[in-house]
Structure formats: C-alpha cells, structure tokens
Amino acid sequence: MLDVFGERDSVLRRVEELVECEVIVRGNEISLRGKEEAVDRAEAVFNGLVGLAEEGDHPTPETAERLYGMGGGREVLGDMILTHRGRRVAPKTRNQKAYTDAIRQNQVVFGIGPAGTGKTYLAVALAVDALSRGEVSRIILTRPAVEAGESLGFLPGDMMAKVDPYFRPLYDALYEMVDPAKFQAHLERGIIEIAPLAFMRGRTLNDAFIILDEAQNTTAQQMKMFLTRLGFGSKMVVTGDITQVDLPKGRLSGLQDARRTLTGVEGVSFIGLRRDDIVRSDLVMRIVDAYDLAQENSEE
C-alpha cells in the first residue's frame, strides 16, 4: 500500500482530486462511496495502481492521472519495453500502446504526431530491445539534415561533425538505454549506426532496426529512396510531425506523400499521436495548444 499511495500519500491525494466519489482508507482497505459510474472508474484506477506496484513499479501522481484518463487501463502502463539502471520504459497512453504494438507487428510503421509524444523515444527503446534479444543484428538511425533556421555550412568540422548536432535527440535517447561504454563499442563496430539520410542511397539494409527521425523534412523522392532500402529481416520506423516542416515553401513533405500513397498497403501501419499523448510535461502540451490556436487564427 505504501507503493500504491506514493511518497507522503502523493498518489492517493492525486486520485482523490481526480475521482468524483469519496475515498475512505482504513489500513490496507480502500472503500469508495458515490455514484456507480464514478465508483467504477475510481476502482479501475486503484486496481491499476495495485497491479503496477505488484509488478515492482513505483506509481507517481502522473501515473494516477494517466490511469484515470485511460479509465484504469493498466494493460497500457504495464507493457514494459525495457529497464535500464532502474528506469522503466513503457507506453503511457493508449495511442503510445497502439504505436508500440504496431511496431512489433509490422515491418514499416509511421508514427506521426506533435513534439513530446514519445515517437522517437519509444522507437529507440524497441530497437534496443530487439537488438538485445537478437531479433536484429544492428540499429540504424537516420534523419534528413535540413536546417531549422540555422545553416550547416557555418558549423565547424567535416560533414559528420556538421551533422552531429542534428542527431543529439537520438544520442540522448540511446544514452538513457545503453551504457556509455557499450554504446561507444557498438558505434565503433557498426552495431549502432547514425548517419544522414543521404548516406542511405544505394544500400540494402538487412537484419536491421532502422529509424528515420524528423521525416516531415524529407522530400517525396527521399522517402521513396529510404523505404526501398528495406531488406530481409529488417524493420523500419518513420517518425515526424507534419506541423513542423522545414522544407522550402511549396515542397511536398515526403511524410505527407507517404501517408497519402501507402495507407492501406499490407505490412505498413500509420499511427497518429495527439496532444493528449504528450508526456514530457504539461507545459509542452500547453505550448502545442497555443501554437495550434495561433495557426487556426491566422488561417481564418
């Protein structure tokens, strides 16, 4: 019950704020009093918290909020992808669960949604898990080197040094899931490869987990080139946010073109993530809402 209620009963207090019924705690017993629908929902939240605690997790007030928002769907929060240094990586919303399930079940998956929805993070976690299980022999991470208000030409160093800052989000995710020494060894041996999208041309990628990040900044030709690199025993995940296209005005995003062209193709899955799936912080969600509202007002 200490795990269920959280440090200084922080989880319990958050549940009490969320549910629309009375919560009565006596020792290890929880009683709920109120309208049937509200009691059922509160019961589902507590059952979810208990189940997670029994699995060794340590619920937080945020966990309670997620469970309440999903109607107590512990099957989502209980889907652990991997753990590293005590950190647990798992989907936190129903759409994130659908996204991870789609990656497991399909060869090519497109994850489309705003910043902070876990598109890249969950894909990297699944790639690391697949590598550790021996399902693939290498991980390949790529993205288009398209400037977002800055110029590659003015960055110091050779080409790889110039593009290195563009791959920081991928490095950050990997550092959270792979020990630094092991990560460096994987880089040196080519088990983990990080390269600009242009370096994919002419290759056939077998037995690999391939992630294309920031795919909204590909052209239709680049997207076709990338997707046709798929080899035997490989899996591709393409992530992007169609509201943040940095291509020259008038150029069609390869991500938008792929969704229009490939929807319904067997083995290809498109998963949409929304503002409700933002898990970075509540402030990120409010920032996304503010920009969406400003865009709507400018179009009127």
C-alpha atoms as a PDB file:
ATOM      1  CA  MET A   1       0.000   0.000   0.000  1.00  0.00           C
ATOM      2  CA  LEU A   2       2.961   2.322   0.554  1.00  0.00           C
ATOM      3  CA  ASP A   3       3.841   1.931  -3.135  1.00  0.00           C
ATOM      4  CA  VAL A   4       0.218   2.410  -4.190  1.00  0.00           C
ATOM      5  CA  PHE A   5      -0.262   5.591  -2.163  1.00  0.00           C
ATOM      6  CA  GLY A   6       3.145   7.025  -3.055  1.00  0.00           C
ATOM      7  CA  GLU A   7       5.606   9.080  -1.086  1.00  0.00           C
ATOM      8  CA  ARG A   8       3.742  11.031   1.606  1.00  0.00           C
ATOM      9  CA  ASP A   9       0.472   9.768   0.098  1.00  0.00           C
ATOM     10  CA  SER A  10       1.046  11.914  -3.008  1.00  0.00           C
ATOM     11  CA  VAL A  11      -0.574   9.361  -5.328  1.00  0.00           C
ATOM     12  CA  LEU A  12      -3.571   8.884  -3.044  1.00  0.00           C
ATOM     13  CA  ARG A  13      -4.134  12.637  -2.804  1.00  0.00           C
ATOM     14  CA  ARG A  14      -4.000  12.966  -6.593  1.00  0.00           C
ATOM     15  CA  VAL A  15      -6.553  10.163  -7.029  1.00  0.00           C
ATOM     16  CA  GLU A  16      -8.839  11.846  -4.511  1.00  0.00           C
ATOM     17  CA  GLU A  17      -8.608  15.065  -6.563  1.00  0.00           C
ATOM     18  CA  LEU A  18      -9.417  13.241  -9.799  1.00  0.00           C
ATOM     19  CA  VAL A  19     -12.262  10.896  -8.909  1.00  0.00           C
ATOM     20  CA  GLU A  20     -15.815  12.078  -8.351  1.00  0.00           C
ATOM     21  CA  CYS A  21     -16.532   9.895  -5.348  1.00  0.00           C
ATOM     22  CA  GLU A  22     -15.487   9.643  -1.708  1.00  0.00           C
ATOM     23  CA  VAL A  23     -12.320   7.639  -0.963  1.00  0.00           C
ATOM     24  CA  ILE A  24     -12.092   6.117   2.522  1.00  0.00           C
ATOM     25  CA  VAL A  25      -8.829   4.446   3.610  1.00  0.00           C
ATOM     26  CA  ARG A  26      -8.636   2.206   6.680  1.00  0.00           C
ATOM     27  CA  GLY A  27      -5.330   0.371   6.990  1.00  0.00           C
ATOM     28  CA  ASN A  28      -4.918  -1.713   3.842  1.00  0.00           C
ATOM     29  CA  GLU A  29      -8.554  -1.333   2.782  1.00  0.00           C
ATOM     30  CA  ILE A  30      -9.953   1.251   0.410  1.00  0.00           C
ATOM     31  CA  SER A  31     -13.685   1.966   0.317  1.00  0.00           C
ATOM     32  CA  LEU A  32     -15.376   4.029  -2.368  1.00  0.00           C
ATOM     33  CA  ARG A  33     -18.698   5.800  -1.961  1.00  0.00           C
ATOM     34  CA  GLY A  34     -20.654   7.687  -4.621  1.00  0.00           C
ATOM     35  CA  LYS A  35     -22.422   7.215  -7.934  1.00  0.00           C
ATOM     36  CA  GLU A  36     -21.863   3.823  -9.556  1.00  0.00           C
ATOM     37  CA  GLU A  37     -20.085   5.167 -12.643  1.00  0.00           C
ATOM     38  CA  ALA A  38     -17.678   7.277 -10.565  1.00  0.00           C
ATOM     39  CA  VAL A  39     -17.002   4.391  -8.167  1.00  0.00           C
ATOM     40  CA  ASP A  40     -16.288   2.011 -11.066  1.00  0.00           C
ATOM     41  CA  ARG A  41     -13.791   4.433 -12.574  1.00  0.00           C
ATOM     42  CA  ALA A  42     -12.053   5.027  -9.229  1.00  0.00           C
ATOM     43  CA  GLU A  43     -11.898   1.267  -8.633  1.00  0.00           C
ATOM     44  CA  ALA A  44     -10.264   0.777 -12.032  1.00  0.00           C
ATOM     45  CA  VAL A  45      -7.614   3.387 -11.144  1.00  0.00           C
ATOM     46  CA  PHE A  46      -6.802   1.744  -7.808  1.00  0.00           C
ATOM     47  CA  ASN A  47      -6.725  -1.714  -9.409  1.00  0.00           C
ATOM     48  CA  GLY A  48      -4.272  -0.347 -11.954  1.00  0.00           C
ATOM     49  CA  LEU A  49      -2.066   1.168  -9.249  1.00  0.00           C
ATOM     50  CA  VAL A  50      -2.084  -2.061  -7.237  1.00  0.00           C
ATOM     51  CA  GLY A  51      -1.219  -4.123 -10.315  1.00  0.00           C
ATOM     52  CA  LEU A  52       1.708  -1.863 -11.208  1.00  0.00           C
ATOM     53  CA  ALA A  53       3.001  -1.932  -7.625  1.00  0.00           C
ATOM     54  CA  GLU A  54       2.816  -5.751  -7.590  1.00  0.00           C
ATOM     55  CA  GLU A  55       4.953  -5.791 -10.750  1.00  0.00           C
ATOM     56  CA  GLY A  56       7.649  -3.765  -8.981  1.00  0.00           C
ATOM     57  CA  ASP A  57       6.737  -0.377 -10.376  1.00  0.00           C
ATOM     58  CA  HIS A  58       6.515   2.740  -8.212  1.00  0.00           C
ATOM     59  CA  PRO A  59       3.419   4.704  -9.238  1.00  0.00           C
ATOM     60  CA  THR A  60       3.542   8.509  -9.167  1.00  0.00           C
ATOM     61  CA  PRO A  61       0.793  11.130  -9.225  1.00  0.00           C
ATOM     62  CA  GLU A  62       1.341  11.276 -13.009  1.00  0.00           C
ATOM     63  CA  THR A  63       0.696   7.517 -13.175  1.00  0.00           C
ATOM     64  CA  ALA A  64      -2.627   8.064 -11.425  1.00  0.00           C
ATOM     65  CA  GLU A  65      -3.527  10.788 -13.942  1.00  0.00           C
ATOM     66  CA  ARG A  66      -2.699   8.505 -16.870  1.00  0.00           C
ATOM     67  CA  LEU A  67      -4.745   5.644 -15.413  1.00  0.00           C
ATOM     68  CA  TYR A  68      -7.689   7.948 -14.772  1.00  0.00           C
ATOM     69  CA  GLY A  69      -7.512   9.336 -18.304  1.00  0.00           C
ATOM     70  CA  MET A  70      -7.481   5.804 -19.717  1.00  0.00           C
ATOM     71  CA  GLY A  71     -10.257   4.537 -17.469  1.00  0.00           C
ATOM     72  CA  GLY A  72      -7.800   2.411 -15.485  1.00  0.00           C
ATOM     73  CA  GLY A  73      -6.142   0.768 -18.496  1.00  0.00           C
ATOM     74  CA  ARG A  74      -3.192  -0.866 -16.739  1.00  0.00           C
ATOM     75  CA  GLU A  75      -2.597  -3.022 -19.819  1.00  0.00           C
ATOM     76  CA  VAL A  76      -1.040   0.103 -21.330  1.00  0.00           C
ATOM     77  CA  LEU A  77       1.206   1.154 -18.446  1.00  0.00           C
ATOM     78  CA  GLY A  78       2.060  -2.463 -17.721  1.00  0.00           C
ATOM     79  CA  ASP A  79       3.586  -3.001 -21.173  1.00  0.00           C
ATOM     80  CA  MET A  80       7.246  -2.585 -20.222  1.00  0.00           C
ATOM     81  CA  ILE A  81       9.648  -2.397 -23.173  1.00  0.00           C
ATOM     82  CA  LEU A  82      12.884  -2.421 -21.183  1.00  0.00           C
ATOM     83  CA  THR A  83      14.531  -1.256 -17.975  1.00  0.00           C
ATOM     84  CA  HIS A  84      17.944   0.366 -17.645  1.00  0.00           C
ATOM     85  CA  ARG A  85      19.521   1.500 -14.390  1.00  0.00           C
ATOM     86  CA  GLY A  86      16.160   1.223 -12.701  1.00  0.00           C
ATOM     87  CA  ARG A  87      14.486   3.376 -15.340  1.00  0.00           C
ATOM     88  CA  ARG A  88      11.391   1.802 -16.829  1.00  0.00           C
ATOM     89  CA  VAL A  89      10.485   2.476 -20.458  1.00  0.00           C
ATOM     90  CA  ALA A  90       6.839   1.785 -21.306  1.00  0.00           C
ATOM     91  CA  PRO A  91       3.967   3.385 -23.217  1.00  0.00           C
ATOM     92  CA  LYS A  92       1.987   5.837 -21.108  1.00  0.00           C
ATOM     93  CA  THR A  93      -1.135   6.362 -23.225  1.00  0.00           C
ATOM     94  CA  ARG A  94      -3.417   4.208 -25.360  1.00  0.00           C
ATOM     95  CA  ASN A  95      -2.046   5.715 -28.577  1.00  0.00           C
ATOM     96  CA  GLN A  96       1.518   5.043 -27.441  1.00  0.00           C
ATOM     97  CA  LYS A  97       0.470   1.444 -26.714  1.00  0.00           C
ATOM     98  CA  ALA A  98      -1.036   1.184 -30.213  1.00  0.00           C
ATOM     99  CA  TYR A  99       2.213   2.610 -31.604  1.00  0.00           C
ATOM    100  CA  THR A 100       4.428   0.066 -29.823  1.00  0.00           C
ATOM    101  CA  ASP A 101       2.079  -2.791 -30.786  1.00  0.00           C
ATOM    102  CA  ALA A 102       2.166  -1.671 -34.428  1.00  0.00           C
ATOM    103  CA  ILE A 103       5.973  -1.642 -34.428  1.00  0.00           C
ATOM    104  CA  ARG A 104       6.033  -5.175 -33.047  1.00  0.00           C
ATOM    105  CA  GLN A 105       3.543  -6.428 -35.620  1.00  0.00           C
ATOM    106  CA  ASN A 106       4.530  -4.620 -38.840  1.00  0.00           C
ATOM    107  CA  GLN A 107       7.655  -4.194 -40.938  1.00  0.00           C
ATOM    108  CA  VAL A 108       7.105  -0.495 -41.617  1.00  0.00           C
ATOM    109  CA  VAL A 109       5.430   1.864 -39.144  1.00  0.00           C
ATOM    110  CA  PHE A 110       4.851   5.604 -39.368  1.00  0.00           C
ATOM    111  CA  GLY A 111       4.468   7.466 -36.069  1.00  0.00           C
ATOM    112  CA  ILE A 112       3.020  10.923 -36.739  1.00  0.00           C
ATOM    113  CA  GLY A 113       2.355  13.487 -34.027  1.00  0.00           C
ATOM    114  CA  PRO A 114       3.498  16.596 -32.160  1.00  0.00           C
ATOM    115  CA  ALA A 115       6.633  17.021 -30.081  1.00  0.00           C
ATOM    116  CA  GLY A 116       6.785  15.186 -26.777  1.00  0.00           C
ATOM    117  CA  THR A 117       4.547  12.250 -27.707  1.00  0.00           C
ATOM    118  CA  GLY A 118       7.352   9.674 -27.463  1.00  0.00           C
ATOM    119  CA  LYS A 119       7.567   8.855 -31.176  1.00  0.00           C
ATOM    120  CA  THR A 120      11.363   8.632 -31.320  1.00  0.00           C
ATOM    121  CA  TYR A 121      11.946   7.603 -27.711  1.00  0.00           C
ATOM    122  CA  LEU A 122       9.701   4.536 -27.866  1.00  0.00           C
ATOM    123  CA  ALA A 123      11.062   3.548 -31.283  1.00  0.00           C
ATOM    124  CA  VAL A 124      14.637   3.679 -29.947  1.00  0.00           C
ATOM    125  CA  ALA A 125      13.601   1.633 -26.892  1.00  0.00           C
ATOM    126  CA  LEU A 126      12.060  -1.050 -29.109  1.00  0.00           C
ATOM    127  CA  ALA A 127      15.182  -1.039 -31.293  1.00  0.00           C
ATOM    128  CA  VAL A 128      17.470  -1.534 -28.282  1.00  0.00           C
ATOM    129  CA  ASP A 129      15.188  -4.305 -27.001  1.00  0.00           C
ATOM    130  CA  ALA A 130      15.185  -6.047 -30.410  1.00  0.00           C
ATOM    131  CA  LEU A 131      18.992  -5.852 -30.534  1.00  0.00           C
ATOM    132  CA  SER A 132      19.364  -7.274 -27.019  1.00  0.00           C
ATOM    133  CA  ARG A 133      17.013 -10.148 -27.889  1.00  0.00           C
ATOM    134  CA  GLY A 134      18.958 -10.963 -31.056  1.00  0.00           C
ATOM    135  CA  GLU A 135      15.983 -10.178 -33.299  1.00  0.00           C
ATOM    136  CA  VAL A 136      18.201  -7.795 -35.328  1.00  0.00           C
ATOM    137  CA  SER A 137      21.974  -7.510 -35.621  1.00  0.00           C
ATOM    138  CA  ARG A 138      22.200  -3.715 -35.806  1.00  0.00           C
ATOM    139  CA  ILE A 139      20.370  -0.432 -35.276  1.00  0.00           C
ATOM    140  CA  ILE A 140      20.462   2.290 -37.926  1.00  0.00           C
ATOM    141  CA  LEU A 141      19.298   5.797 -37.039  1.00  0.00           C
ATOM    142  CA  THR A 142      18.955   8.430 -39.724  1.00  0.00           C
ATOM    143  CA  ARG A 143      17.332  11.766 -40.425  1.00  0.00           C
ATOM    144  CA  PRO A 144      17.439  14.446 -43.133  1.00  0.00           C
ATOM    145  CA  ALA A 145      19.992  17.188 -42.457  1.00  0.00           C
ATOM    146  CA  VAL A 146      17.564  20.031 -43.065  1.00  0.00           C
ATOM    147  CA  GLU A 147      18.217  23.337 -41.327  1.00  0.00           C
ATOM    148  CA  ALA A 148      15.604  24.746 -38.977  1.00  0.00           C
ATOM    149  CA  GLY A 149      16.683  28.378 -39.101  1.00  0.00           C
ATOM    150  CA  GLU A 150      20.445  27.606 -38.992  1.00  0.00           C
ATOM    151  CA  SER A 151      22.964  26.718 -41.696  1.00  0.00           C
ATOM    152  CA  LEU A 152      25.105  23.579 -41.823  1.00  0.00           C
ATOM    153  CA  GLY A 153      27.744  25.432 -43.789  1.00  0.00           C
ATOM    154  CA  PHE A 154      28.708  27.649 -40.869  1.00  0.00           C
ATOM    155  CA  LEU A 155      29.193  24.778 -38.416  1.00  0.00           C
ATOM    156  CA  PRO A 156      32.852  23.762 -37.876  1.00  0.00           C
ATOM    157  CA  GLY A 157      34.412  20.433 -38.867  1.00  0.00           C
ATOM    158  CA  ASP A 158      33.880  17.808 -41.558  1.00  0.00           C
ATOM    159  CA  MET A 159      30.491  16.563 -42.733  1.00  0.00           C
ATOM    160  CA  MET A 160      29.934  14.167 -39.805  1.00  0.00           C
ATOM    161  CA  ALA A 161      30.915  16.907 -37.336  1.00  0.00           C
ATOM    162  CA  LYS A 162      28.475  19.260 -39.052  1.00  0.00           C
ATOM    163  CA  VAL A 163      25.525  16.849 -38.859  1.00  0.00           C
ATOM    164  CA  ASP A 164      26.314  15.616 -35.340  1.00  0.00           C
ATOM    165  CA  PRO A 165      24.180  18.309 -33.613  1.00  0.00           C
ATOM    166  CA  TYR A 166      21.162  17.153 -35.652  1.00  0.00           C
ATOM    167  CA  PHE A 167      21.411  13.717 -34.068  1.00  0.00           C
ATOM    168  CA  ARG A 168      21.548  14.861 -30.445  1.00  0.00           C
ATOM    169  CA  PRO A 169      17.935  13.753 -29.704  1.00  0.00           C
ATOM    170  CA  LEU A 170      18.805  10.228 -30.894  1.00  0.00           C
ATOM    171  CA  TYR A 171      22.009  10.183 -28.857  1.00  0.00           C
ATOM    172  CA  ASP A 172      20.114  11.381 -25.787  1.00  0.00           C
ATOM    173  CA  ALA A 173      17.580   8.564 -26.087  1.00  0.00           C
ATOM    174  CA  LEU A 174      20.302   5.939 -26.580  1.00  0.00           C
ATOM    175  CA  TYR A 175      22.327   7.192 -23.603  1.00  0.00           C
ATOM    176  CA  GLU A 176      19.293   6.540 -21.391  1.00  0.00           C
ATOM    177  CA  MET A 177      19.037   2.919 -22.557  1.00  0.00           C
ATOM    178  CA  VAL A 178      22.595   1.739 -23.266  1.00  0.00           C
ATOM    179  CA  ASP A 179      25.669   2.027 -21.026  1.00  0.00           C
ATOM    180  CA  PRO A 180      28.100   4.645 -22.435  1.00  0.00           C
ATOM    181  CA  ALA A 181      31.000   2.192 -22.876  1.00  0.00           C
ATOM    182  CA  LYS A 182      28.756  -0.338 -24.618  1.00  0.00           C
ATOM    183  CA  PHE A 183      27.235   2.375 -26.775  1.00  0.00           C
ATOM    184  CA  GLN A 184      30.676   3.549 -27.913  1.00  0.00           C
ATOM    185  CA  ALA A 185      31.726  -0.031 -28.659  1.00  0.00           C
ATOM    186  CA  HIS A 186      28.556  -0.570 -30.698  1.00  0.00           C
ATOM    187  CA  LEU A 187      29.292   2.602 -32.684  1.00  0.00           C
ATOM    188  CA  GLU A 188      32.857   1.521 -33.433  1.00  0.00           C
ATOM    189  CA  ARG A 189      31.743  -1.951 -34.551  1.00  0.00           C
ATOM    190  CA  GLY A 190      28.853  -0.646 -36.647  1.00  0.00           C
ATOM    191  CA  ILE A 191      26.224  -2.359 -34.494  1.00  0.00           C
ATOM    192  CA  ILE A 192      24.723   1.093 -33.961  1.00  0.00           C
ATOM    193  CA  GLU A 193      24.978   3.402 -36.961  1.00  0.00           C
ATOM    194  CA  ILE A 194      23.924   7.037 -37.027  1.00  0.00           C
ATOM    195  CA  ALA A 195      24.065   8.749 -40.418  1.00  0.00           C
ATOM    196  CA  PRO A 196      22.358  11.411 -42.558  1.00  0.00           C
ATOM    197  CA  LEU A 197      19.574  10.208 -44.830  1.00  0.00           C
ATOM    198  CA  ALA A 198      21.683  10.929 -47.932  1.00  0.00           C
ATOM    199  CA  PHE A 199      24.070   8.151 -46.829  1.00  0.00           C
ATOM    200  CA  MET A 200      21.280   5.568 -47.247  1.00  0.00           C
ATOM    201  CA  ARG A 201      21.197   5.815 -51.047  1.00  0.00           C
ATOM    202  CA  GLY A 202      22.229   2.629 -52.865  1.00  0.00           C
ATOM    203  CA  ARG A 203      22.206   0.441 -49.758  1.00  0.00           C
ATOM    204  CA  THR A 204      20.174  -2.651 -48.880  1.00  0.00           C
ATOM    205  CA  LEU A 205      19.563  -2.822 -45.134  1.00  0.00           C
ATOM    206  CA  ASN A 206      19.190  -6.428 -43.968  1.00  0.00           C
ATOM    207  CA  ASP A 207      18.659  -7.713 -40.412  1.00  0.00           C
ATOM    208  CA  ALA A 208      18.395  -4.185 -39.012  1.00  0.00           C
ATOM    209  CA  PHE A 209      16.055  -1.971 -36.995  1.00  0.00           C
ATOM    210  CA  ILE A 210      16.001   1.308 -38.914  1.00  0.00           C
ATOM    211  CA  ILE A 211      14.565   4.571 -37.584  1.00  0.00           C
ATOM    212  CA  LEU A 212      14.021   7.644 -39.758  1.00  0.00           C
ATOM    213  CA  ASP A 213      13.510  10.654 -37.497  1.00  0.00           C
ATOM    214  CA  GLU A 214      12.128  14.089 -38.460  1.00  0.00           C
ATOM    215  CA  ALA A 215      10.653  12.542 -41.603  1.00  0.00           C
ATOM    216  CA  GLN A 216       8.472  15.589 -42.270  1.00  0.00           C
ATOM    217  CA  ASN A 217      11.641  17.172 -43.691  1.00  0.00           C
ATOM    218  CA  THR A 218      12.152  14.537 -46.386  1.00  0.00           C
ATOM    219  CA  THR A 219      11.053  15.074 -49.953  1.00  0.00           C
ATOM    220  CA  ALA A 220       8.793  12.518 -51.643  1.00  0.00           C
ATOM    221  CA  GLN A 221      11.818  11.224 -53.592  1.00  0.00           C
ATOM    222  CA  GLN A 222      13.921  10.854 -50.431  1.00  0.00           C
ATOM    223  CA  MET A 223      11.129   8.985 -48.672  1.00  0.00           C
ATOM    224  CA  LYS A 224      10.750   6.552 -51.556  1.00  0.00           C
ATOM    225  CA  MET A 225      14.533   6.059 -51.632  1.00  0.00           C
ATOM    226  CA  PHE A 226      14.602   5.342 -47.905  1.00  0.00           C
ATOM    227  CA  LEU A 227      11.667   2.919 -47.830  1.00  0.00           C
ATOM    228  CA  THR A 228      13.083   0.907 -50.725  1.00  0.00           C
ATOM    229  CA  ARG A 229      16.272   0.254 -48.697  1.00  0.00           C
ATOM    230  CA  LEU A 230      14.290  -2.264 -46.607  1.00  0.00           C
ATOM    231  CA  GLY A 231      15.951  -5.673 -46.672  1.00  0.00           C
ATOM    232  CA  PHE A 232      15.285  -9.153 -45.267  1.00  0.00           C
ATOM    233  CA  GLY A 233      14.715  -9.431 -41.525  1.00  0.00           C
ATOM    234  CA  SER A 234      14.527  -5.666 -41.104  1.00  0.00           C
ATOM    235  CA  LYS A 235      12.020  -3.299 -39.552  1.00  0.00           C
ATOM    236  CA  MET A 236      11.550   0.414 -40.266  1.00  0.00           C
ATOM    237  CA  VAL A 237      10.021   3.102 -38.073  1.00  0.00           C
ATOM    238  CA  VAL A 238       9.416   6.553 -39.552  1.00  0.00           C
ATOM    239  CA  THR A 239       8.631   9.409 -37.175  1.00  0.00           C
ATOM    240  CA  GLY A 240       7.663  13.010 -37.802  1.00  0.00           C
ATOM    241  CA  ASP A 241       5.421  15.966 -37.121  1.00  0.00           C
ATOM    242  CA  ILE A 242       3.672  17.326 -40.210  1.00  0.00           C
ATOM    243  CA  THR A 243       3.125  20.670 -38.435  1.00  0.00           C
ATOM    244  CA  GLN A 244       6.892  21.327 -38.282  1.00  0.00           C
ATOM    245  CA  VAL A 245       8.009  21.064 -41.911  1.00  0.00           C
ATOM    246  CA  ASP A 246      11.267  22.952 -42.599  1.00  0.00           C
ATOM    247  CA  LEU A 247      11.358  22.306 -46.348  1.00  0.00           C
ATOM    248  CA  PRO A 248      11.321  25.272 -48.761  1.00  0.00           C
ATOM    249  CA  LYS A 249       7.845  26.660 -49.260  1.00  0.00           C
ATOM    250  CA  GLY A 250       5.924  24.747 -51.902  1.00  0.00           C
ATOM    251  CA  ARG A 251       7.839  21.480 -51.468  1.00  0.00           C
ATOM    252  CA  LEU A 252       5.642  18.499 -50.541  1.00  0.00           C
ATOM    253  CA  SER A 253       6.761  16.679 -47.418  1.00  0.00           C
ATOM    254  CA  GLY A 254       7.697  13.052 -48.030  1.00  0.00           C
ATOM    255  CA  LEU A 255       5.848  12.146 -44.845  1.00  0.00           C
ATOM    256  CA  GLN A 256       2.598  13.612 -46.114  1.00  0.00           C
ATOM    257  CA  ASP A 257       3.115  11.988 -49.506  1.00  0.00           C
ATOM    258  CA  ALA A 258       3.792   8.589 -47.902  1.00  0.00           C
ATOM    259  CA  ARG A 259       0.612   8.759 -45.834  1.00  0.00           C
ATOM    260  CA  ARG A 260      -1.391   9.534 -48.949  1.00  0.00           C
ATOM    261  CA  THR A 261       0.348   6.866 -51.069  1.00  0.00           C
ATOM    262  CA  LEU A 262       0.878   3.966 -48.660  1.00  0.00           C
ATOM    263  CA  THR A 263      -2.250   3.955 -46.494  1.00  0.00           C
ATOM    264  CA  GLY A 264      -3.820   0.524 -46.873  1.00  0.00           C
ATOM    265  CA  VAL A 265      -0.630  -1.217 -48.043  1.00  0.00           C
ATOM    266  CA  GLU A 266      -0.213  -4.545 -46.224  1.00  0.00           C
ATOM    267  CA  GLY A 267       2.685  -4.508 -43.755  1.00  0.00           C
ATOM    268  CA  VAL A 268       2.637  -0.702 -43.446  1.00  0.00           C
ATOM    269  CA  SER A 269       0.957   0.921 -40.436  1.00  0.00           C
ATOM    270  CA  PHE A 270       0.237   4.588 -39.699  1.00  0.00           C
ATOM    271  CA  ILE A 271      -0.256   5.603 -36.057  1.00  0.00           C
ATOM    272  CA  GLY A 272      -1.371   9.102 -35.131  1.00  0.00           C
ATOM    273  CA  LEU A 273      -0.307  10.572 -31.809  1.00  0.00           C
ATOM    274  CA  ARG A 274      -2.105  13.627 -30.417  1.00  0.00           C
ATOM    275  CA  ARG A 275      -1.651  16.351 -27.848  1.00  0.00           C
ATOM    276  CA  ASP A 276      -3.170  14.008 -25.246  1.00  0.00           C
ATOM    277  CA  ASP A 277      -0.157  11.721 -25.773  1.00  0.00           C
ATOM    278  CA  ILE A 278       2.411  14.389 -24.834  1.00  0.00           C
ATOM    279  CA  VAL A 279       4.329  13.030 -21.859  1.00  0.00           C
ATOM    280  CA  ARG A 280       7.241  15.460 -21.495  1.00  0.00           C
ATOM    281  CA  SER A 281       5.424  17.912 -19.272  1.00  0.00           C
ATOM    282  CA  ASP A 282       2.096  19.709 -19.004  1.00  0.00           C
ATOM    283  CA  LEU A 283       3.846  22.867 -20.206  1.00  0.00           C
ATOM    284  CA  VAL A 284       4.773  21.216 -23.542  1.00  0.00           C
ATOM    285  CA  MET A 285       1.095  20.372 -24.043  1.00  0.00           C
ATOM    286  CA  ARG A 286       0.103  23.976 -23.356  1.00  0.00           C
ATOM    287  CA  ILE A 287       2.773  25.254 -25.766  1.00  0.00           C
ATOM    288  CA  VAL A 288       1.487  22.951 -28.536  1.00  0.00           C
ATOM    289  CA  ASP A 289      -2.088  24.119 -27.866  1.00  0.00           C
ATOM    290  CA  ALA A 290      -1.028  27.776 -28.040  1.00  0.00           C
ATOM    291  CA  TYR A 291       0.718  27.316 -31.409  1.00  0.00           C
ATOM    292  CA  ASP A 292      -2.232  25.323 -32.810  1.00  0.00           C
ATOM    293  CA  LEU A 293      -4.616  28.095 -31.756  1.00  0.00           C
ATOM    294  CA  ALA A 294      -2.393  30.769 -33.290  1.00  0.00           C
ATOM    295  CA  GLN A 295      -2.264  28.854 -36.578  1.00  0.00           C
ATOM    296  CA  GLU A 296      -6.049  28.437 -36.630  1.00  0.00           C
ATOM    297  CA  ASN A 297      -6.498  32.182 -36.022  1.00  0.00           C
ATOM    298  CA  SER A 298      -4.031  33.064 -38.814  1.00  0.00           C
ATOM    299  CA  GLU A 299      -5.932  30.866 -41.290  1.00  0.00           C
ATOM    300  CA  GLU A 300      -9.290  32.483 -40.575  1.00  0.00           C
END
